[in-house]
Amino acid sequence: KFGTSYQLDEKQQTYLSIAVAHKEPSRGDFIDNAFSTIPKPEKLYNWEAGYRYLNTKTKIESNVYYMLYQDQLVLTGELNDVGATVRVNVPDSYRLGWETTFSHQFSNKWAISANTTLSRNKIQTFDEIIADYTVDFEKIIITHKNTDISFSPNLVGAIQLMYKPLENLETE
């Protein structure tokens, strides 16, 4: 990973980072696959740029990112012959997005925080092989192009209002 940051003033900072990561398949990726296909390690190339603002009561952080994957292991929604979920390698996929967080301390007792991520999570091209257990274990091949990555929503967010009635007690 390589990164750099620049302090604009005492409250503001910008940053940029570039990272490369590799992840080995899990044990389940080897044993749960219907066709005994040997899964490959994932490769990730990540670029990120962001901005931070911090004072005594308010914190804001916002960044954009682009994550380019080779052989990402993704859930297909398929279950194998014993009901385990199946993950398979997809040759080329990416995640492109914007994340932001905000928090503000109104008083010693009240605070608010919020976060959101807007993203595009796509598999560029992928030949899905489905095991049909109803017809002597046949293979069905479906080609996907520019399809969404499963379990990767385009919008995620949360908001919290916090109240601290006593010095050592906090409720959300």
C-alpha atoms as a PDB file:
ATOM      1  CA  LYS A   1       0.000   0.000   0.000  1.00  0.00           C
ATOM      2  CA  PHE A   2       1.198   3.490  -0.798  1.00  0.00           C
ATOM      3  CA  GLY A   3      -0.493   6.617   0.437  1.00  0.00           C
ATOM      4  CA  THR A   4       0.014  10.292   0.920  1.00  0.00           C
ATOM      5  CA  SER A   5      -1.875  12.993   2.747  1.00  0.00           C
ATOM      6  CA  TYR A   6      -1.793  16.764   2.725  1.00  0.00           C
ATOM      7  CA  GLN A   7      -2.796  18.908   5.702  1.00  0.00           C
ATOM      8  CA  LEU A   8      -4.680  21.917   4.261  1.00  0.00           C
ATOM      9  CA  ASP A   9      -4.931  23.581   7.687  1.00  0.00           C
ATOM     10  CA  GLU A  10      -5.387  22.483  11.307  1.00  0.00           C
ATOM     11  CA  LYS A  11      -8.906  21.134  10.590  1.00  0.00           C
ATOM     12  CA  GLN A  12      -8.715  19.832   7.014  1.00  0.00           C
ATOM     13  CA  GLN A  13      -6.775  17.055   5.306  1.00  0.00           C
ATOM     14  CA  THR A  14      -6.820  15.343   1.901  1.00  0.00           C
ATOM     15  CA  TYR A  15      -5.412  11.922   1.123  1.00  0.00           C
ATOM     16  CA  LEU A  16      -4.714   9.538  -1.716  1.00  0.00           C
ATOM     17  CA  SER A  17      -3.826   5.843  -1.544  1.00  0.00           C
ATOM     18  CA  ILE A  18      -3.084   2.995  -3.906  1.00  0.00           C
ATOM     19  CA  ALA A  19      -3.076  -0.601  -2.670  1.00  0.00           C
ATOM     20  CA  VAL A  20      -2.703  -4.136  -3.980  1.00  0.00           C
ATOM     21  CA  ALA A  21      -4.047  -7.122  -2.049  1.00  0.00           C
ATOM     22  CA  HIS A  22      -4.298 -10.876  -2.556  1.00  0.00           C
ATOM     23  CA  LYS A  23      -6.659 -13.220  -0.711  1.00  0.00           C
ATOM     24  CA  GLU A  24      -6.599 -16.994  -0.721  1.00  0.00           C
ATOM     25  CA  PRO A  25      -9.862 -18.961  -1.092  1.00  0.00           C
ATOM     26  CA  SER A  26     -11.379 -20.371   2.083  1.00  0.00           C
ATOM     27  CA  ARG A  27     -11.668 -24.087   2.823  1.00  0.00           C
ATOM     28  CA  GLY A  28     -15.355 -23.941   1.924  1.00  0.00           C
ATOM     29  CA  ASP A  29     -14.520 -22.616  -1.546  1.00  0.00           C
ATOM     30  CA  PHE A  30     -12.657 -25.863  -2.199  1.00  0.00           C
ATOM     31  CA  ILE A  31     -15.104 -28.373  -0.704  1.00  0.00           C
ATOM     32  CA  ASP A  32     -18.486 -26.723  -1.468  1.00  0.00           C
ATOM     33  CA  ASN A  33     -17.968 -26.339  -5.214  1.00  0.00           C
ATOM     34  CA  ALA A  34     -20.236 -28.625  -7.249  1.00  0.00           C
ATOM     35  CA  PHE A  35     -17.725 -29.410  -9.996  1.00  0.00           C
ATOM     36  CA  SER A  36     -14.529 -29.772  -7.946  1.00  0.00           C
ATOM     37  CA  THR A  37     -13.180 -26.664  -9.664  1.00  0.00           C
ATOM     38  CA  ILE A  38     -10.094 -25.413  -7.867  1.00  0.00           C
ATOM     39  CA  PRO A  39     -10.711 -21.786  -6.838  1.00  0.00           C
ATOM     40  CA  LYS A  40      -8.030 -19.173  -7.550  1.00  0.00           C
ATOM     41  CA  PRO A  41      -6.770 -16.464  -5.186  1.00  0.00           C
ATOM     42  CA  GLU A  42      -8.392 -13.045  -5.525  1.00  0.00           C
ATOM     43  CA  LYS A  43      -6.341 -10.029  -6.626  1.00  0.00           C
ATOM     44  CA  LEU A  44      -7.419  -6.485  -5.756  1.00  0.00           C
ATOM     45  CA  TYR A  45      -6.118  -3.139  -7.012  1.00  0.00           C
ATOM     46  CA  ASN A  46      -7.573  -0.265  -4.981  1.00  0.00           C
ATOM     47  CA  TRP A  47      -7.391   3.503  -5.602  1.00  0.00           C
ATOM     48  CA  GLU A  48      -8.831   5.919  -3.049  1.00  0.00           C
ATOM     49  CA  ALA A  49      -8.948   9.719  -2.623  1.00  0.00           C
ATOM     50  CA  GLY A  50     -10.587  11.581   0.208  1.00  0.00           C
ATOM     51  CA  TYR A  51     -11.116  14.599   2.418  1.00  0.00           C
ATOM     52  CA  ARG A  52     -11.343  14.943   6.228  1.00  0.00           C
ATOM     53  CA  TYR A  53     -12.626  17.809   8.359  1.00  0.00           C
ATOM     54  CA  LEU A  54     -12.366  17.732  12.146  1.00  0.00           C
ATOM     55  CA  ASN A  55     -13.061  20.305  14.828  1.00  0.00           C
ATOM     56  CA  THR A  56     -14.084  19.930  18.470  1.00  0.00           C
ATOM     57  CA  LYS A  57     -17.742  19.126  17.687  1.00  0.00           C
ATOM     58  CA  THR A  58     -17.962  18.072  14.028  1.00  0.00           C
ATOM     59  CA  LYS A  59     -16.243  15.407  11.954  1.00  0.00           C
ATOM     60  CA  ILE A  60     -16.779  14.924   8.209  1.00  0.00           C
ATOM     61  CA  GLU A  61     -14.999  12.407   6.015  1.00  0.00           C
ATOM     62  CA  SER A  62     -15.689  11.744   2.354  1.00  0.00           C
ATOM     63  CA  ASN A  63     -13.862   9.629  -0.200  1.00  0.00           C
ATOM     64  CA  VAL A  64     -14.153   8.065  -3.630  1.00  0.00           C
ATOM     65  CA  TYR A  65     -12.762   4.641  -4.479  1.00  0.00           C
ATOM     66  CA  TYR A  66     -12.211   2.284  -7.382  1.00  0.00           C
ATOM     67  CA  MET A  67     -11.534  -1.376  -6.616  1.00  0.00           C
ATOM     68  CA  LEU A  68     -10.542  -3.524  -9.588  1.00  0.00           C
ATOM     69  CA  TYR A  69     -10.632  -7.297  -8.983  1.00  0.00           C
ATOM     70  CA  GLN A  70      -9.222 -10.263 -10.829  1.00  0.00           C
ATOM     71  CA  ASP A  71     -10.733 -13.637  -9.888  1.00  0.00           C
ATOM     72  CA  GLN A  72     -12.966 -12.199  -7.147  1.00  0.00           C
ATOM     73  CA  LEU A  73     -14.849 -14.937  -5.273  1.00  0.00           C
ATOM     74  CA  VAL A  74     -18.566 -14.077  -5.307  1.00  0.00           C
ATOM     75  CA  LEU A  75     -21.696 -15.830  -4.086  1.00  0.00           C
ATOM     76  CA  THR A  76     -23.825 -17.098  -6.957  1.00  0.00           C
ATOM     77  CA  GLY A  77     -26.999 -17.770  -4.965  1.00  0.00           C
ATOM     78  CA  GLU A  78     -26.586 -21.441  -5.807  1.00  0.00           C
ATOM     79  CA  LEU A  79     -26.544 -24.188  -3.181  1.00  0.00           C
ATOM     80  CA  ASN A  80     -24.546 -27.377  -3.640  1.00  0.00           C
ATOM     81  CA  ASP A  81     -25.918 -30.920  -3.161  1.00  0.00           C
ATOM     82  CA  VAL A  82     -25.801 -30.607   0.656  1.00  0.00           C
ATOM     83  CA  GLY A  83     -27.207 -27.065   0.827  1.00  0.00           C
ATOM     84  CA  ALA A  84     -23.984 -25.062   1.278  1.00  0.00           C
ATOM     85  CA  THR A  85     -23.633 -21.714  -0.494  1.00  0.00           C
ATOM     86  CA  VAL A  86     -21.272 -21.660  -3.463  1.00  0.00           C
ATOM     87  CA  ARG A  87     -18.708 -18.970  -4.289  1.00  0.00           C
ATOM     88  CA  VAL A  88     -16.930 -18.947  -7.626  1.00  0.00           C
ATOM     89  CA  ASN A  89     -14.203 -16.856  -9.215  1.00  0.00           C
ATOM     90  CA  VAL A  90     -15.286 -14.196 -11.694  1.00  0.00           C
ATOM     91  CA  PRO A  91     -12.466 -13.087 -13.981  1.00  0.00           C
ATOM     92  CA  ASP A  92     -13.021  -9.300 -13.954  1.00  0.00           C
ATOM     93  CA  SER A  93     -15.127  -7.224 -11.570  1.00  0.00           C
ATOM     94  CA  TYR A  94     -15.039  -3.815  -9.928  1.00  0.00           C
ATOM     95  CA  ARG A  95     -16.491  -1.625  -7.211  1.00  0.00           C
ATOM     96  CA  LEU A  96     -16.701   2.125  -7.792  1.00  0.00           C
ATOM     97  CA  GLY A  97     -18.145   4.358  -5.125  1.00  0.00           C
ATOM     98  CA  TRP A  98     -18.403   7.337  -2.824  1.00  0.00           C
ATOM     99  CA  GLU A  99     -18.481   7.065   0.977  1.00  0.00           C
ATOM    100  CA  THR A 100     -19.170   9.795   3.495  1.00  0.00           C
ATOM    101  CA  THR A 101     -19.506   9.988   7.268  1.00  0.00           C
ATOM    102  CA  PHE A 102     -20.664  12.834   9.456  1.00  0.00           C
ATOM    103  CA  SER A 103     -20.885  13.274  13.208  1.00  0.00           C
ATOM    104  CA  HIS A 104     -21.733  16.234  15.404  1.00  0.00           C
ATOM    105  CA  GLN A 105     -21.748  16.632  19.195  1.00  0.00           C
ATOM    106  CA  PHE A 106     -24.624  19.019  20.060  1.00  0.00           C
ATOM    107  CA  SER A 107     -23.955  18.967  23.801  1.00  0.00           C
ATOM    108  CA  ASN A 108     -22.480  16.750  26.508  1.00  0.00           C
ATOM    109  CA  LYS A 109     -25.597  14.576  26.259  1.00  0.00           C
ATOM    110  CA  TRP A 110     -26.677  14.692  22.589  1.00  0.00           C
ATOM    111  CA  ALA A 111     -24.865  13.712  19.378  1.00  0.00           C
ATOM    112  CA  ILE A 112     -25.759  12.580  15.874  1.00  0.00           C
ATOM    113  CA  SER A 113     -23.844  10.551  13.303  1.00  0.00           C
ATOM    114  CA  ALA A 114     -24.620   9.390   9.789  1.00  0.00           C
ATOM    115  CA  ASN A 115     -22.897   7.493   7.008  1.00  0.00           C
ATOM    116  CA  THR A 116     -23.701   6.544   3.464  1.00  0.00           C
ATOM    117  CA  THR A 117     -22.101   4.697   0.572  1.00  0.00           C
ATOM    118  CA  LEU A 118     -23.192   4.988  -3.048  1.00  0.00           C
ATOM    119  CA  SER A 119     -21.536   2.406  -5.255  1.00  0.00           C
ATOM    120  CA  ARG A 120     -21.582   0.485  -8.479  1.00  0.00           C
ATOM    121  CA  ASN A 121     -20.511  -3.167  -8.033  1.00  0.00           C
ATOM    122  CA  LYS A 122     -20.258  -5.032 -11.320  1.00  0.00           C
ATOM    123  CA  ILE A 123     -19.000  -8.232 -12.896  1.00  0.00           C
ATOM    124  CA  GLN A 124     -17.840  -7.332 -16.393  1.00  0.00           C
ATOM    125  CA  THR A 125     -18.250 -10.755 -18.068  1.00  0.00           C
ATOM    126  CA  PHE A 126     -18.800 -14.143 -16.475  1.00  0.00           C
ATOM    127  CA  ASP A 127     -19.835 -17.633 -17.635  1.00  0.00           C
ATOM    128  CA  GLU A 128     -21.878 -19.131 -14.820  1.00  0.00           C
ATOM    129  CA  ILE A 129     -21.996 -22.917 -14.626  1.00  0.00           C
ATOM    130  CA  ILE A 130     -25.018 -24.258 -12.755  1.00  0.00           C
ATOM    131  CA  ALA A 131     -25.331 -27.833 -11.559  1.00  0.00           C
ATOM    132  CA  ASP A 132     -28.735 -29.348 -12.356  1.00  0.00           C
ATOM    133  CA  TYR A 133     -29.164 -32.130  -9.800  1.00  0.00           C
ATOM    134  CA  THR A 134     -32.593 -33.083 -11.206  1.00  0.00           C
ATOM    135  CA  VAL A 135     -31.223 -34.421 -14.523  1.00  0.00           C
ATOM    136  CA  ASP A 136     -28.224 -36.669 -13.824  1.00  0.00           C
ATOM    137  CA  PHE A 137     -26.009 -33.773 -12.702  1.00  0.00           C
ATOM    138  CA  GLU A 138     -26.000 -31.775 -15.946  1.00  0.00           C
ATOM    139  CA  LYS A 139     -24.219 -28.445 -16.374  1.00  0.00           C
ATOM    140  CA  ILE A 140     -26.100 -25.343 -17.487  1.00  0.00           C
ATOM    141  CA  ILE A 141     -23.976 -22.405 -18.720  1.00  0.00           C
ATOM    142  CA  ILE A 142     -25.286 -18.829 -18.571  1.00  0.00           C
ATOM    143  CA  THR A 143     -23.192 -15.866 -19.777  1.00  0.00           C
ATOM    144  CA  HIS A 144     -23.530 -12.652 -17.748  1.00  0.00           C
ATOM    145  CA  LYS A 145     -22.284  -9.247 -18.928  1.00  0.00           C
ATOM    146  CA  ASN A 146     -22.103  -6.123 -16.783  1.00  0.00           C
ATOM    147  CA  THR A 147     -24.152  -7.715 -14.010  1.00  0.00           C
ATOM    148  CA  ASP A 148     -24.402  -6.687 -10.352  1.00  0.00           C
ATOM    149  CA  ILE A 149     -22.269  -8.473  -7.764  1.00  0.00           C
ATOM    150  CA  SER A 150     -24.540 -10.407  -5.407  1.00  0.00           C
ATOM    151  CA  PHE A 151     -25.026  -9.088  -1.873  1.00  0.00           C
ATOM    152  CA  SER A 152     -23.458  -5.738  -2.872  1.00  0.00           C
ATOM    153  CA  PRO A 153     -26.150  -3.050  -2.672  1.00  0.00           C
ATOM    154  CA  ASN A 154     -25.707   0.243  -4.514  1.00  0.00           C
ATOM    155  CA  LEU A 155     -26.829   2.286  -1.495  1.00  0.00           C
ATOM    156  CA  VAL A 156     -26.015   1.675   2.165  1.00  0.00           C
ATOM    157  CA  GLY A 157     -26.593   4.164   4.948  1.00  0.00           C
ATOM    158  CA  ALA A 158     -27.314   4.682   8.615  1.00  0.00           C
ATOM    159  CA  ILE A 159     -28.135   7.477  11.012  1.00  0.00           C
ATOM    160  CA  GLN A 160     -27.801   7.464  14.800  1.00  0.00           C
ATOM    161  CA  LEU A 161     -29.069   9.839  17.423  1.00  0.00           C
ATOM    162  CA  MET A 162     -27.208   9.331  20.674  1.00  0.00           C
ATOM    163  CA  TYR A 163     -28.237  10.388  24.157  1.00  0.00           C
ATOM    164  CA  LYS A 164     -25.972  10.082  27.182  1.00  0.00           C
ATOM    165  CA  PRO A 165     -28.153  10.591  30.318  1.00  0.00           C
ATOM    166  CA  LEU A 166     -25.316   9.896  32.780  1.00  0.00           C
ATOM    167  CA  GLU A 167     -21.570  10.400  32.469  1.00  0.00           C
ATOM    168  CA  ASN A 168     -20.810   6.659  32.067  1.00  0.00           C
ATOM    169  CA  LEU A 169     -24.039   5.545  30.356  1.00  0.00           C
ATOM    170  CA  GLU A 170     -24.803   5.880  26.665  1.00  0.00           C
ATOM    171  CA  THR A 171     -27.961   4.893  24.743  1.00  0.00           C
ATOM    172  CA  GLU A 172     -28.611   4.813  20.984  1.00  0.00           C
END
